[in-house]
């Protein structure tokens, strides 16, 4: 595997991991009525993003190995 492809996969994998963790932690919607505060979030897309990041990193590290 070419070194440029490895580097692109590593950068994309790290970016996907960071974005997935950010979307998991940051709330999507917040409502504040007087003393009552409510937050809602849907984490299904963040799990997919984190999974794609991990797969990209695994392919980058193991893709060029020859047996």
C-alpha atoms as a PDB file:
ATOM      1  CA  UNK A   1       0.000   0.000   0.000  1.00  0.00           C
ATOM      2  CA  UNK A   2       1.275   3.447  -0.905  1.00  0.00           C
ATOM      3  CA  UNK A   3       2.511   5.710   1.916  1.00  0.00           C
ATOM      4  CA  UNK A   4       0.174   8.508   0.824  1.00  0.00           C
ATOM      5  CA  UNK A   5      -2.848   6.241   1.043  1.00  0.00           C
ATOM      6  CA  UNK A   6      -1.749   5.106   4.508  1.00  0.00           C
ATOM      7  CA  UNK A   7      -1.355   8.711   5.638  1.00  0.00           C
ATOM      8  CA  UNK A   8      -4.766   9.703   4.248  1.00  0.00           C
ATOM      9  CA  UNK A   9      -6.407   6.727   5.979  1.00  0.00           C
ATOM     10  CA  UNK A  10      -4.702   7.566   9.272  1.00  0.00           C
ATOM     11  CA  UNK A  11      -5.746  11.231   9.141  1.00  0.00           C
ATOM     12  CA  UNK A  12      -9.297  10.296   8.130  1.00  0.00           C
ATOM     13  CA  UNK A  13      -9.495   7.670  10.883  1.00  0.00           C
ATOM     14  CA  UNK A  14      -8.311  10.077  13.563  1.00  0.00           C
ATOM     15  CA  UNK A  15     -10.680  12.789  12.308  1.00  0.00           C
ATOM     16  CA  UNK A  16     -13.629  10.371  12.326  1.00  0.00           C
ATOM     17  CA  UNK A  17     -12.789   9.215  15.849  1.00  0.00           C
ATOM     18  CA  UNK A  18     -12.566  12.776  17.167  1.00  0.00           C
ATOM     19  CA  UNK A  19     -15.801  13.808  15.443  1.00  0.00           C
ATOM     20  CA  UNK A  20     -17.630  10.699  16.668  1.00  0.00           C
ATOM     21  CA  UNK A  21     -16.543  11.237  20.271  1.00  0.00           C
ATOM     22  CA  UNK A  22     -17.495  14.931  20.049  1.00  0.00           C
ATOM     23  CA  UNK A  23     -20.992  14.139  18.747  1.00  0.00           C
ATOM     24  CA  UNK A  24     -21.424  11.553  21.491  1.00  0.00           C
ATOM     25  CA  UNK A  25     -20.505  13.990  24.262  1.00  0.00           C
ATOM     26  CA  UNK A  26     -22.144  17.205  22.995  1.00  0.00           C
ATOM     27  CA  UNK A  27     -25.919  17.388  23.534  1.00  0.00           C
ATOM     28  CA  UNK A  28     -28.073  17.835  20.427  1.00  0.00           C
ATOM     29  CA  UNK A  29     -30.973  19.729  21.959  1.00  0.00           C
ATOM     30  CA  UNK A  30     -31.417  21.538  25.240  1.00  0.00           C
ATOM     31  CA  UNK A  31     -34.540  23.080  26.777  1.00  0.00           C
ATOM     32  CA  UNK A  32     -34.471  25.368  29.756  1.00  0.00           C
ATOM     33  CA  UNK A  33     -37.744  26.383  31.427  1.00  0.00           C
ATOM     34  CA  UNK A  34     -37.156  28.117  34.729  1.00  0.00           C
ATOM     35  CA  UNK A  35     -35.259  25.776  37.044  1.00  0.00           C
ATOM     36  CA  UNK A  36     -35.943  22.767  34.778  1.00  0.00           C
ATOM     37  CA  UNK A  37     -33.192  21.829  32.296  1.00  0.00           C
ATOM     38  CA  UNK A  38     -33.599  19.023  29.757  1.00  0.00           C
ATOM     39  CA  UNK A  39     -31.049  17.644  27.298  1.00  0.00           C
ATOM     40  CA  UNK A  40     -31.636  15.108  24.542  1.00  0.00           C
ATOM     41  CA  UNK A  41     -29.192  13.325  22.312  1.00  0.00           C
ATOM     42  CA  UNK A  42     -29.174  10.494  19.805  1.00  0.00           C
ATOM     43  CA  UNK A  43     -25.876   8.585  19.689  1.00  0.00           C
ATOM     44  CA  UNK A  44     -26.555   6.131  16.854  1.00  0.00           C
ATOM     45  CA  UNK A  45     -24.653   8.140  14.230  1.00  0.00           C
ATOM     46  CA  UNK A  46     -21.703   8.707  16.535  1.00  0.00           C
ATOM     47  CA  UNK A  47     -21.229   4.957  17.024  1.00  0.00           C
ATOM     48  CA  UNK A  48     -21.114   4.494  13.245  1.00  0.00           C
ATOM     49  CA  UNK A  49     -18.602   7.346  12.888  1.00  0.00           C
ATOM     50  CA  UNK A  50     -16.350   5.921  15.599  1.00  0.00           C
ATOM     51  CA  UNK A  51     -16.542   2.469  13.995  1.00  0.00           C
ATOM     52  CA  UNK A  52     -15.551   3.858  10.595  1.00  0.00           C
ATOM     53  CA  UNK A  53     -12.623   5.676  12.205  1.00  0.00           C
ATOM     54  CA  UNK A  54     -11.400   2.490  13.864  1.00  0.00           C
ATOM     55  CA  UNK A  55     -11.729   0.543  10.607  1.00  0.00           C
ATOM     56  CA  UNK A  56      -9.781   3.224   8.708  1.00  0.00           C
ATOM     57  CA  UNK A  57      -6.993   3.114  11.300  1.00  0.00           C
ATOM     58  CA  UNK A  58      -6.830  -0.697  11.213  1.00  0.00           C
ATOM     59  CA  UNK A  59      -6.634  -0.701   7.406  1.00  0.00           C
ATOM     60  CA  UNK A  60      -3.918   1.974   7.528  1.00  0.00           C
ATOM     61  CA  UNK A  61      -1.797   0.003   9.974  1.00  0.00           C
ATOM     62  CA  UNK A  62      -2.335  -3.500   8.592  1.00  0.00           C
ATOM     63  CA  UNK A  63      -2.995  -2.774   4.914  1.00  0.00           C
ATOM     64  CA  UNK A  64       0.602  -2.731   3.736  1.00  0.00           C
ATOM     65  CA  UNK A  65       1.909  -5.766   5.623  1.00  0.00           C
ATOM     66  CA  UNK A  66       3.091  -8.614   3.429  1.00  0.00           C
ATOM     67  CA  UNK A  67       3.052 -12.170   4.700  1.00  0.00           C
END
